[in-house]
N, C-alpha and C. Protein backbone atom coordinates (compact mmCIF):
# COMPACT_ATOMS: atom_id res chain seq x y z
N UNK A 1 -133.31 139.51 135.92
CA UNK A 1 -134.00 140.27 134.90
C UNK A 1 -134.01 139.47 133.61
N UNK A 2 -135.07 139.61 132.84
CA UNK A 2 -135.21 138.79 131.63
C UNK A 2 -134.04 138.87 130.65
N UNK A 3 -133.68 140.06 130.15
CA UNK A 3 -132.53 140.13 129.25
C UNK A 3 -132.04 141.57 129.14
N UNK A 4 -130.80 141.69 128.69
CA UNK A 4 -130.17 143.00 128.49
C UNK A 4 -129.38 142.97 127.20
N UNK A 5 -129.26 144.14 126.59
CA UNK A 5 -128.43 144.29 125.39
C UNK A 5 -127.64 145.59 125.53
N UNK A 6 -126.48 145.64 124.91
CA UNK A 6 -125.67 146.85 124.94
C UNK A 6 -126.22 147.82 123.89
N UNK A 7 -126.41 149.05 124.30
CA UNK A 7 -126.93 150.08 123.40
C UNK A 7 -125.80 150.54 122.48
N UNK A 8 -126.02 150.47 121.16
CA UNK A 8 -124.98 150.94 120.23
C UNK A 8 -124.68 152.43 120.42
N UNK A 9 -123.44 152.80 120.22
CA UNK A 9 -122.99 154.18 120.42
C UNK A 9 -123.81 155.16 119.58
N UNK A 10 -124.16 154.77 118.35
CA UNK A 10 -124.89 155.71 117.50
C UNK A 10 -126.28 156.02 118.07
N UNK A 11 -126.88 155.09 118.79
CA UNK A 11 -128.18 155.35 119.43
C UNK A 11 -128.01 156.40 120.53
N UNK A 12 -126.97 156.24 121.32
CA UNK A 12 -126.71 157.21 122.39
C UNK A 12 -126.45 158.59 121.79
N UNK A 13 -125.61 158.65 120.75
CA UNK A 13 -125.27 159.93 120.13
C UNK A 13 -126.50 160.59 119.50
N UNK A 14 -127.30 159.82 118.77
CA UNK A 14 -128.49 160.37 118.14
C UNK A 14 -129.50 160.81 119.19
N UNK A 15 -129.63 160.03 120.25
CA UNK A 15 -130.55 160.38 121.34
C UNK A 15 -130.12 161.67 122.02
N UNK A 16 -128.81 161.83 122.19
CA UNK A 16 -128.29 163.05 122.81
C UNK A 16 -128.58 164.26 121.92
N UNK A 17 -128.35 164.12 120.62
CA UNK A 17 -128.63 165.22 119.69
C UNK A 17 -130.12 165.58 119.71
N UNK A 18 -130.98 164.58 119.73
CA UNK A 18 -132.42 164.82 119.78
C UNK A 18 -132.79 165.54 121.08
N UNK A 19 -132.27 165.06 122.19
CA UNK A 19 -132.60 165.64 123.49
C UNK A 19 -132.15 167.10 123.58
N UNK A 20 -131.01 167.42 122.98
CA UNK A 20 -130.52 168.80 123.00
C UNK A 20 -131.40 169.72 122.16
N UNK A 21 -132.05 169.17 121.12
CA UNK A 21 -132.82 170.01 120.21
C UNK A 21 -134.31 170.09 120.56
N UNK A 22 -134.80 169.19 121.41
CA UNK A 22 -136.24 169.13 121.71
C UNK A 22 -136.46 169.16 123.21
N UNK A 23 -137.32 170.06 123.66
CA UNK A 23 -137.68 170.07 125.08
C UNK A 23 -138.83 169.10 125.26
N UNK A 24 -138.61 168.09 126.08
CA UNK A 24 -139.61 167.05 126.30
C UNK A 24 -140.46 167.40 127.52
N UNK A 25 -141.61 166.81 127.60
CA UNK A 25 -142.45 166.91 128.80
C UNK A 25 -143.50 167.99 128.72
N UNK A 26 -143.11 169.22 128.94
CA UNK A 26 -144.05 170.34 129.01
C UNK A 26 -145.11 170.13 130.10
N UNK A 27 -144.70 169.54 131.21
CA UNK A 27 -145.65 169.29 132.30
C UNK A 27 -145.79 170.54 133.16
N UNK A 28 -146.98 170.83 133.56
CA UNK A 28 -147.26 172.03 134.35
C UNK A 28 -146.84 171.86 135.81
N UNK A 29 -146.60 170.62 136.24
CA UNK A 29 -146.28 170.40 137.65
C UNK A 29 -144.77 170.44 137.95
N UNK A 30 -143.96 170.80 136.95
CA UNK A 30 -142.52 170.92 137.17
C UNK A 30 -141.79 169.60 137.20
N UNK A 31 -142.38 168.55 136.66
CA UNK A 31 -141.77 167.21 136.73
C UNK A 31 -141.22 166.74 135.38
N UNK A 32 -140.77 167.67 134.55
CA UNK A 32 -140.29 167.31 133.22
C UNK A 32 -139.05 166.41 133.24
N UNK A 33 -138.32 166.42 134.30
CA UNK A 33 -137.10 165.62 134.38
C UNK A 33 -135.90 166.42 133.90
N UNK A 34 -134.74 166.04 134.37
CA UNK A 34 -133.50 166.70 133.98
C UNK A 34 -133.15 166.32 132.54
N UNK A 35 -132.17 167.01 131.98
CA UNK A 35 -131.71 166.67 130.63
C UNK A 35 -131.23 165.22 130.59
N UNK A 36 -130.55 164.77 131.64
CA UNK A 36 -130.06 163.38 131.68
C UNK A 36 -131.22 162.39 131.76
N UNK A 37 -132.24 162.68 132.56
CA UNK A 37 -133.40 161.79 132.65
C UNK A 37 -134.14 161.71 131.31
N UNK A 38 -134.25 162.85 130.64
CA UNK A 38 -134.89 162.86 129.33
C UNK A 38 -134.07 162.06 128.32
N UNK A 39 -132.74 162.20 128.38
CA UNK A 39 -131.86 161.45 127.49
C UNK A 39 -132.06 159.95 127.69
N UNK A 40 -132.11 159.50 128.92
CA UNK A 40 -132.30 158.07 129.22
C UNK A 40 -133.62 157.58 128.62
N UNK A 41 -134.68 158.38 128.74
CA UNK A 41 -135.97 158.02 128.17
C UNK A 41 -135.92 157.92 126.65
N UNK A 42 -135.22 158.84 126.02
CA UNK A 42 -135.10 158.83 124.56
C UNK A 42 -134.28 157.62 124.11
N UNK A 43 -133.22 157.28 124.84
CA UNK A 43 -132.43 156.09 124.50
C UNK A 43 -133.32 154.85 124.55
N UNK A 44 -134.13 154.73 125.60
CA UNK A 44 -135.04 153.59 125.72
C UNK A 44 -136.02 153.53 124.56
N UNK A 45 -136.64 154.67 124.24
CA UNK A 45 -137.59 154.70 123.13
C UNK A 45 -136.90 154.36 121.80
N UNK A 46 -135.70 154.89 121.59
CA UNK A 46 -134.98 154.61 120.34
C UNK A 46 -134.59 153.14 120.23
N UNK A 47 -134.27 152.50 121.33
CA UNK A 47 -133.96 151.06 121.28
C UNK A 47 -135.19 150.26 120.86
N UNK A 48 -136.35 150.65 121.35
CA UNK A 48 -137.59 149.97 120.95
C UNK A 48 -137.87 150.25 119.48
N UNK A 49 -137.68 151.50 119.06
CA UNK A 49 -137.91 151.84 117.65
C UNK A 49 -137.04 150.97 116.74
N UNK A 50 -135.78 150.78 117.09
CA UNK A 50 -134.88 149.94 116.29
C UNK A 50 -135.41 148.50 116.27
N UNK A 51 -135.81 147.99 117.43
CA UNK A 51 -136.32 146.61 117.51
C UNK A 51 -137.56 146.43 116.64
N UNK A 52 -138.37 147.47 116.52
CA UNK A 52 -139.61 147.40 115.74
C UNK A 52 -139.41 147.80 114.28
N UNK A 53 -138.18 148.16 113.91
CA UNK A 53 -137.91 148.58 112.53
C UNK A 53 -138.45 149.96 112.21
N UNK A 54 -138.59 150.79 113.23
CA UNK A 54 -139.09 152.16 113.06
C UNK A 54 -137.93 153.14 113.10
N UNK A 55 -138.14 154.36 112.60
CA UNK A 55 -137.07 155.37 112.66
C UNK A 55 -136.84 155.84 114.09
N UNK A 56 -135.67 156.40 114.32
CA UNK A 56 -135.36 156.99 115.62
C UNK A 56 -136.27 158.20 115.83
N UNK A 57 -136.38 158.63 117.07
CA UNK A 57 -137.25 159.76 117.41
C UNK A 57 -136.83 160.99 116.61
N UNK A 58 -137.85 161.71 116.13
CA UNK A 58 -137.62 162.93 115.37
C UNK A 58 -138.54 164.01 115.91
N UNK A 59 -138.06 165.23 115.85
CA UNK A 59 -138.82 166.36 116.36
C UNK A 59 -140.16 166.53 115.65
N UNK A 60 -140.21 166.24 114.36
CA UNK A 60 -141.43 166.47 113.59
C UNK A 60 -142.55 165.48 113.90
N UNK A 61 -142.27 164.45 114.71
CA UNK A 61 -143.31 163.47 115.04
C UNK A 61 -144.27 163.99 116.10
N UNK A 62 -143.85 164.98 116.89
CA UNK A 62 -144.72 165.60 117.87
C UNK A 62 -145.01 164.71 119.07
N UNK A 63 -145.95 165.15 119.90
CA UNK A 63 -146.32 164.46 121.13
C UNK A 63 -147.06 163.16 120.80
N UNK A 64 -146.74 162.11 121.54
CA UNK A 64 -147.29 160.78 121.25
C UNK A 64 -148.52 160.41 122.08
N UNK A 65 -149.03 161.33 122.87
CA UNK A 65 -150.21 161.08 123.72
C UNK A 65 -150.00 159.93 124.69
N UNK A 66 -148.75 159.70 125.11
CA UNK A 66 -148.47 158.67 126.09
C UNK A 66 -148.43 157.26 125.53
N UNK A 67 -148.40 157.12 124.21
CA UNK A 67 -148.28 155.81 123.57
C UNK A 67 -147.02 155.83 122.72
N UNK A 68 -146.02 155.06 123.13
CA UNK A 68 -144.75 155.08 122.41
C UNK A 68 -144.74 154.15 121.20
N UNK A 69 -145.52 153.07 121.27
CA UNK A 69 -145.66 152.20 120.11
C UNK A 69 -146.89 151.33 120.28
N UNK A 70 -147.32 150.74 119.19
CA UNK A 70 -148.45 149.83 119.20
C UNK A 70 -148.02 148.53 118.54
N UNK A 71 -148.39 147.41 119.17
CA UNK A 71 -148.08 146.10 118.61
C UNK A 71 -149.25 145.17 118.94
N UNK A 72 -149.73 144.46 117.94
CA UNK A 72 -150.88 143.55 118.10
C UNK A 72 -152.08 144.26 118.69
N UNK A 73 -152.22 145.54 118.42
CA UNK A 73 -153.34 146.32 118.95
C UNK A 73 -153.14 146.83 120.36
N UNK A 74 -152.02 146.47 121.02
CA UNK A 74 -151.70 146.98 122.36
C UNK A 74 -150.95 148.30 122.23
N UNK A 75 -151.44 149.31 122.93
CA UNK A 75 -150.75 150.61 122.97
C UNK A 75 -149.84 150.62 124.19
N UNK A 76 -148.55 150.75 123.95
CA UNK A 76 -147.57 150.57 125.03
C UNK A 76 -146.75 151.84 125.23
N UNK A 77 -146.57 152.20 126.49
CA UNK A 77 -145.75 153.33 126.90
C UNK A 77 -144.45 152.77 127.48
N UNK A 78 -143.32 153.25 126.98
CA UNK A 78 -142.01 152.80 127.44
C UNK A 78 -141.54 153.70 128.58
N UNK A 79 -141.11 153.10 129.67
CA UNK A 79 -140.59 153.83 130.83
C UNK A 79 -139.18 153.34 131.10
N UNK A 80 -138.22 154.25 131.01
CA UNK A 80 -136.81 153.88 131.17
C UNK A 80 -136.22 154.66 132.34
N UNK A 81 -135.53 153.95 133.22
CA UNK A 81 -134.85 154.59 134.34
C UNK A 81 -133.34 154.42 134.12
N UNK A 82 -132.59 155.46 134.45
CA UNK A 82 -131.13 155.40 134.36
C UNK A 82 -130.54 155.01 135.70
N UNK A 83 -129.54 154.13 135.64
CA UNK A 83 -128.88 153.67 136.86
C UNK A 83 -127.37 153.56 136.60
N UNK A 84 -126.62 153.38 137.65
CA UNK A 84 -125.18 153.12 137.51
C UNK A 84 -124.86 151.66 137.82
N UNK A 85 -125.90 150.84 137.89
CA UNK A 85 -125.73 149.41 138.14
C UNK A 85 -126.83 148.67 137.38
N UNK A 86 -126.70 147.36 137.32
CA UNK A 86 -127.75 146.56 136.72
C UNK A 86 -128.92 146.45 137.70
N UNK A 87 -130.15 146.39 137.18
CA UNK A 87 -131.31 146.33 138.08
C UNK A 87 -131.40 145.00 138.81
N UNK A 88 -132.07 145.06 139.94
CA UNK A 88 -132.32 143.88 140.76
C UNK A 88 -133.83 143.74 140.95
N UNK A 89 -134.30 142.57 141.37
CA UNK A 89 -135.75 142.36 141.51
C UNK A 89 -136.45 143.37 142.42
N UNK A 90 -135.78 143.88 143.46
CA UNK A 90 -136.43 144.81 144.39
C UNK A 90 -136.35 146.27 143.93
N UNK A 91 -135.60 146.56 142.86
CA UNK A 91 -135.53 147.93 142.35
C UNK A 91 -136.90 148.33 141.81
N UNK A 92 -137.20 149.62 141.91
CA UNK A 92 -138.51 150.10 141.45
C UNK A 92 -138.43 150.84 140.13
N UNK A 93 -139.55 150.84 139.45
CA UNK A 93 -139.77 151.63 138.24
C UNK A 93 -140.80 152.68 138.58
N UNK A 94 -140.71 153.82 137.90
CA UNK A 94 -141.56 154.95 138.24
C UNK A 94 -142.47 155.36 137.10
N UNK A 95 -143.62 155.89 137.48
CA UNK A 95 -144.55 156.49 136.53
C UNK A 95 -145.17 157.69 137.23
N UNK A 96 -145.04 158.86 136.64
CA UNK A 96 -145.62 160.05 137.24
C UNK A 96 -147.14 159.93 137.28
N UNK A 97 -147.73 160.39 138.36
CA UNK A 97 -149.17 160.34 138.51
C UNK A 97 -149.91 161.03 137.38
N UNK A 98 -149.33 162.11 136.85
CA UNK A 98 -149.98 162.85 135.76
C UNK A 98 -150.00 162.06 134.45
N UNK A 99 -149.19 161.01 134.34
CA UNK A 99 -149.14 160.23 133.10
C UNK A 99 -150.17 159.10 133.06
N UNK A 100 -150.82 158.83 134.15
CA UNK A 100 -151.76 157.71 134.21
C UNK A 100 -153.00 157.99 133.35
N UNK A 101 -153.24 159.25 133.04
CA UNK A 101 -154.42 159.64 132.25
C UNK A 101 -154.30 159.23 130.78
N UNK A 102 -153.10 158.95 130.31
CA UNK A 102 -152.93 158.64 128.90
C UNK A 102 -153.54 157.29 128.56
N UNK A 103 -154.04 157.16 127.36
CA UNK A 103 -154.78 155.99 126.90
C UNK A 103 -153.84 154.90 126.38
N UNK A 104 -153.02 154.35 127.24
CA UNK A 104 -152.20 153.21 126.85
C UNK A 104 -152.78 151.95 127.50
N UNK A 105 -152.38 150.82 126.96
CA UNK A 105 -152.87 149.54 127.49
C UNK A 105 -151.85 148.87 128.40
N UNK A 106 -150.56 149.23 128.22
CA UNK A 106 -149.50 148.56 128.97
C UNK A 106 -148.28 149.45 129.08
N UNK A 107 -147.41 149.09 130.01
CA UNK A 107 -146.14 149.77 130.21
C UNK A 107 -145.01 148.76 130.06
N UNK A 108 -143.96 149.17 129.38
CA UNK A 108 -142.73 148.38 129.27
C UNK A 108 -141.67 149.12 130.07
N UNK A 109 -141.05 148.44 131.03
CA UNK A 109 -140.06 149.07 131.89
C UNK A 109 -138.66 148.61 131.52
N UNK A 110 -137.81 149.60 131.26
CA UNK A 110 -136.42 149.37 130.90
C UNK A 110 -135.51 150.04 131.92
N UNK A 111 -134.29 149.53 132.03
CA UNK A 111 -133.28 150.13 132.90
C UNK A 111 -132.00 150.29 132.10
N UNK A 112 -131.50 151.52 132.04
CA UNK A 112 -130.27 151.81 131.30
C UNK A 112 -129.12 151.98 132.28
N UNK A 113 -128.13 151.11 132.17
CA UNK A 113 -126.92 151.20 133.00
C UNK A 113 -125.99 152.21 132.33
N UNK A 114 -125.87 153.38 132.94
CA UNK A 114 -125.08 154.46 132.35
C UNK A 114 -123.58 154.16 132.35
N UNK A 115 -123.15 153.21 133.15
CA UNK A 115 -121.74 152.84 133.21
C UNK A 115 -121.38 151.87 132.09
N UNK A 116 -122.21 150.85 131.89
CA UNK A 116 -121.91 149.81 130.89
C UNK A 116 -122.66 149.99 129.57
N UNK A 117 -123.61 150.92 129.52
CA UNK A 117 -124.49 151.15 128.36
C UNK A 117 -125.38 149.94 128.07
N UNK A 118 -125.66 149.12 129.09
CA UNK A 118 -126.55 147.98 128.93
C UNK A 118 -128.00 148.41 129.19
N UNK A 119 -128.89 148.02 128.30
CA UNK A 119 -130.31 148.27 128.46
C UNK A 119 -130.96 146.96 128.88
N UNK A 120 -131.52 146.94 130.09
CA UNK A 120 -132.20 145.75 130.60
C UNK A 120 -133.70 145.89 130.41
N UNK A 121 -134.30 144.87 129.84
CA UNK A 121 -135.75 144.80 129.71
C UNK A 121 -136.24 144.18 131.01
N UNK A 122 -136.70 145.02 131.93
CA UNK A 122 -137.04 144.59 133.29
C UNK A 122 -138.36 143.83 133.35
N UNK A 123 -139.31 144.19 132.51
CA UNK A 123 -140.61 143.55 132.52
C UNK A 123 -141.67 144.51 132.00
N UNK A 124 -142.88 144.00 131.97
CA UNK A 124 -143.97 144.84 131.50
C UNK A 124 -145.22 144.55 132.32
N UNK A 125 -146.20 145.42 132.17
CA UNK A 125 -147.43 145.30 132.92
C UNK A 125 -148.57 145.91 132.13
N UNK A 126 -149.73 145.29 132.19
CA UNK A 126 -150.90 145.98 131.66
C UNK A 126 -151.16 147.18 132.57
N UNK A 127 -151.87 148.14 132.06
CA UNK A 127 -152.17 149.31 132.88
C UNK A 127 -153.00 148.91 134.10
N UNK A 128 -153.96 148.01 133.90
CA UNK A 128 -154.81 147.54 134.99
C UNK A 128 -153.98 146.86 136.08
N UNK A 129 -153.09 145.96 135.68
CA UNK A 129 -152.23 145.27 136.65
C UNK A 129 -151.31 146.27 137.36
N UNK A 130 -150.81 147.24 136.61
CA UNK A 130 -149.94 148.25 137.20
C UNK A 130 -150.67 148.99 138.31
N UNK A 131 -151.89 149.44 138.03
CA UNK A 131 -152.65 150.19 139.03
C UNK A 131 -152.98 149.34 140.25
N UNK A 132 -153.14 148.03 140.07
CA UNK A 132 -153.39 147.12 141.20
C UNK A 132 -152.14 146.88 142.04
N UNK A 133 -150.97 146.87 141.41
CA UNK A 133 -149.73 146.46 142.11
C UNK A 133 -148.81 147.61 142.52
N UNK A 134 -148.91 148.75 141.85
CA UNK A 134 -148.00 149.86 142.14
C UNK A 134 -148.43 150.60 143.40
N UNK A 135 -147.50 151.29 143.99
CA UNK A 135 -147.76 152.13 145.16
C UNK A 135 -147.67 153.58 144.73
N UNK A 136 -148.66 154.37 145.12
CA UNK A 136 -148.68 155.80 144.79
C UNK A 136 -148.12 156.59 145.97
N UNK A 137 -147.13 157.43 145.66
CA UNK A 137 -146.54 158.33 146.66
C UNK A 137 -146.87 159.76 146.26
N UNK A 138 -147.31 160.55 147.21
CA UNK A 138 -147.74 161.92 146.95
C UNK A 138 -146.55 162.85 146.71
N UNK A 139 -146.81 163.90 145.95
CA UNK A 139 -145.83 164.96 145.73
C UNK A 139 -145.28 165.41 147.08
N UNK A 140 -144.00 165.69 147.12
CA UNK A 140 -143.25 166.13 148.30
C UNK A 140 -142.93 165.01 149.28
N UNK A 141 -143.35 163.78 148.98
CA UNK A 141 -142.94 162.64 149.82
C UNK A 141 -141.42 162.48 149.70
N UNK A 142 -140.83 162.00 150.77
CA UNK A 142 -139.40 161.70 150.76
C UNK A 142 -139.25 160.21 150.45
N UNK A 143 -138.45 159.90 149.44
CA UNK A 143 -138.19 158.51 149.06
C UNK A 143 -136.75 158.18 149.41
N UNK A 144 -136.55 157.00 149.96
CA UNK A 144 -135.23 156.57 150.39
C UNK A 144 -134.72 155.45 149.49
N UNK A 145 -133.47 155.54 149.13
CA UNK A 145 -132.82 154.51 148.31
C UNK A 145 -132.15 153.50 149.24
N UNK A 146 -131.80 152.34 148.68
CA UNK A 146 -131.14 151.28 149.45
C UNK A 146 -129.81 151.75 150.03
N UNK A 147 -129.14 152.70 149.36
CA UNK A 147 -127.84 153.17 149.85
C UNK A 147 -127.96 154.22 150.95
N UNK A 148 -129.20 154.53 151.36
CA UNK A 148 -129.42 155.49 152.44
C UNK A 148 -129.68 156.91 151.97
N UNK A 149 -129.43 157.20 150.69
CA UNK A 149 -129.70 158.54 150.19
C UNK A 149 -131.21 158.73 150.01
N UNK A 150 -131.63 159.96 149.85
CA UNK A 150 -133.06 160.23 149.71
C UNK A 150 -133.28 161.39 148.74
N UNK A 151 -134.53 161.55 148.34
CA UNK A 151 -134.91 162.67 147.48
C UNK A 151 -136.39 162.96 147.70
N UNK A 152 -136.79 164.17 147.37
CA UNK A 152 -138.18 164.61 147.52
C UNK A 152 -138.85 164.51 146.14
N UNK A 153 -140.06 163.95 146.11
CA UNK A 153 -140.78 163.81 144.85
C UNK A 153 -141.29 165.17 144.37
N UNK A 154 -141.10 165.44 143.07
CA UNK A 154 -141.57 166.69 142.46
C UNK A 154 -143.06 166.64 142.13
N UNK A 155 -143.59 165.42 142.04
CA UNK A 155 -145.00 165.22 141.65
C UNK A 155 -145.47 163.89 142.21
N UNK A 156 -146.77 163.63 142.18
CA UNK A 156 -147.28 162.31 142.55
C UNK A 156 -146.56 161.28 141.68
N UNK A 157 -146.25 160.14 142.28
CA UNK A 157 -145.42 159.16 141.60
C UNK A 157 -145.84 157.74 141.97
N UNK A 158 -146.06 156.90 140.96
CA UNK A 158 -146.31 155.49 141.17
C UNK A 158 -144.99 154.75 141.11
N UNK A 159 -144.83 153.73 141.96
CA UNK A 159 -143.64 152.88 141.95
C UNK A 159 -144.08 151.42 141.92
N UNK A 160 -143.36 150.63 141.13
CA UNK A 160 -143.59 149.20 141.09
C UNK A 160 -142.25 148.49 141.02
N UNK A 161 -142.11 147.45 141.85
CA UNK A 161 -140.86 146.68 141.86
C UNK A 161 -140.76 145.80 140.62
N UNK A 162 -139.53 145.59 140.18
CA UNK A 162 -139.31 144.68 139.05
C UNK A 162 -139.95 143.32 139.29
N UNK A 163 -139.90 142.84 140.52
CA UNK A 163 -140.42 141.50 140.83
C UNK A 163 -141.93 141.39 140.62
N UNK A 164 -142.63 142.53 140.52
CA UNK A 164 -144.09 142.52 140.33
C UNK A 164 -144.48 142.65 138.86
N UNK A 165 -143.49 142.73 137.99
CA UNK A 165 -143.75 142.87 136.55
C UNK A 165 -143.84 141.51 135.89
N UNK A 166 -144.46 141.48 134.73
CA UNK A 166 -144.47 140.26 133.92
C UNK A 166 -143.08 140.11 133.31
N UNK A 167 -142.49 138.96 133.56
CA UNK A 167 -141.14 138.70 133.10
C UNK A 167 -141.06 137.34 132.42
N UNK A 168 -142.11 136.99 131.71
CA UNK A 168 -142.21 135.68 131.08
C UNK A 168 -141.55 135.66 129.69
N UNK A 169 -140.35 136.22 129.62
CA UNK A 169 -139.62 136.29 128.36
C UNK A 169 -138.12 136.36 128.64
N UNK A 170 -137.31 135.90 127.70
CA UNK A 170 -135.87 136.00 127.87
C UNK A 170 -135.18 136.65 126.66
N UNK A 171 -135.98 137.05 125.68
CA UNK A 171 -135.45 137.78 124.53
C UNK A 171 -136.59 138.55 123.86
N UNK A 172 -136.24 139.31 122.83
CA UNK A 172 -137.22 140.17 122.16
C UNK A 172 -138.37 139.35 121.57
N UNK A 173 -138.07 138.22 120.97
CA UNK A 173 -139.10 137.39 120.35
C UNK A 173 -140.11 136.93 121.39
N UNK A 174 -139.63 136.44 122.53
CA UNK A 174 -140.55 136.00 123.58
C UNK A 174 -141.34 137.17 124.18
N UNK A 175 -140.71 138.34 124.24
CA UNK A 175 -141.41 139.52 124.75
C UNK A 175 -142.58 139.87 123.83
N UNK A 176 -142.34 139.91 122.52
CA UNK A 176 -143.43 140.24 121.61
C UNK A 176 -144.50 139.15 121.60
N UNK A 177 -144.09 137.90 121.77
CA UNK A 177 -145.05 136.80 121.88
C UNK A 177 -145.92 136.99 123.14
N UNK A 178 -145.32 137.46 124.22
CA UNK A 178 -146.05 137.73 125.46
C UNK A 178 -147.13 138.77 125.21
N UNK A 179 -146.82 139.80 124.43
CA UNK A 179 -147.82 140.83 124.12
C UNK A 179 -148.93 140.24 123.25
N UNK A 180 -148.54 139.40 122.29
CA UNK A 180 -149.55 138.78 121.42
C UNK A 180 -150.51 137.94 122.25
N UNK A 181 -149.98 137.14 123.18
CA UNK A 181 -150.84 136.30 124.03
C UNK A 181 -151.80 137.17 124.84
N UNK A 182 -151.35 138.34 125.24
CA UNK A 182 -152.21 139.25 126.01
C UNK A 182 -153.43 139.66 125.19
N UNK A 183 -153.26 139.84 123.89
CA UNK A 183 -154.38 140.26 123.06
C UNK A 183 -155.40 139.14 122.86
N UNK A 184 -155.02 137.90 123.15
CA UNK A 184 -155.93 136.78 123.00
C UNK A 184 -156.85 136.60 124.19
N UNK A 185 -156.58 137.30 125.28
CA UNK A 185 -157.40 137.18 126.50
C UNK A 185 -158.75 137.78 126.34
């Protein structure tokens, strides 16, 4: 994976307070995610906000229309998955089928290790590349993990392996440079 950083305790604490005070999602298909899944997403978004010099998430900012930040004219949606281990190239990232309608240009995929508090920047993808490379699984499909456990999908779900993401960076500066180069195409 390109790079990881340890999430400062105050980010976790602030993200937890935000998650307790704000109900996220409001999806009609029942796929809002658990409180823990929402917390992981808020931690990921807050880490990006800090990197961009923006304030942490606040209730008064309202719904973001599926765009978590904009840089060099690219509208990017951050997707963070929580794990108890560091990600590997074959691990997948998820995007709910209902979220594909949002007008973003790219997705940034992060993995939060709940044991070590490390946030790994797994890679990113333009929306077009994502739709070409990801696999769509229908609601109620059974998904199997490498450890043999399984779960039933609450909604249509896209999956993409880390190995299929753009990983042409090893730190934040190179990541933002990668986005800038994308705008030159």
